[in-house]
């Protein structure tokens, strides 16, 4: 793919505003324009798989097929050691397993409840980014980022979204919700995956 006005636009196969904001900032270095799929009338893709990479690839191909543009998708989730790596790909719907409505706030409520009294609070936030030049791209770019930390016993901080208020990063001495946007992007699972993806794009696409 050669540089050009049209080719610099990528569809983000997500309707998550938090992801869009973070990825727009992270990809600004290449001058890429990320367009949320909702702005182009693209429906949500089905995510029937049990791994992040398979679901991200399905979402990227779906968005590219619907728009004719290159697309990038992020499938991310929380992997808790005490739960054998779950909720994983089911993270967005975690709270619904315990009678709550779907949503970030309820996910945190459910997580803290399920970990009550558990001394093993190690967990990792995982982000898998997949980018395709077209719906049939035989060589998708794949980048994975992990942020390993511990689940706190209560919310700390007000920035960010998702599990940020309860994801404590030991080497930083803070939760993600206590960090500035810039500091979070430099240390988060999505930030790490984006840096890898930028390098892959520069090597393979430009």
Foldseek 3Di string as FASTA:
>chain_A
DDDDDQQLEAEELDPDPLLVVLLCVLPVVVVHHYHYLVVVVQDHFDQPDDAFVVSQLRSQLSSQASPVAKYKYKQKAKQWVVVVGPPHSCQQVCLVVVPDDGDQVSSLVVVLVVCVPPPRFKMKIKMWMWIAGHSPRPDIDIFMFIQIAGFANDFDAQDGTRSQRGGARVVVRHGNRNDDSVVCLVRHGVNRRSVVVVVVCVVPPD
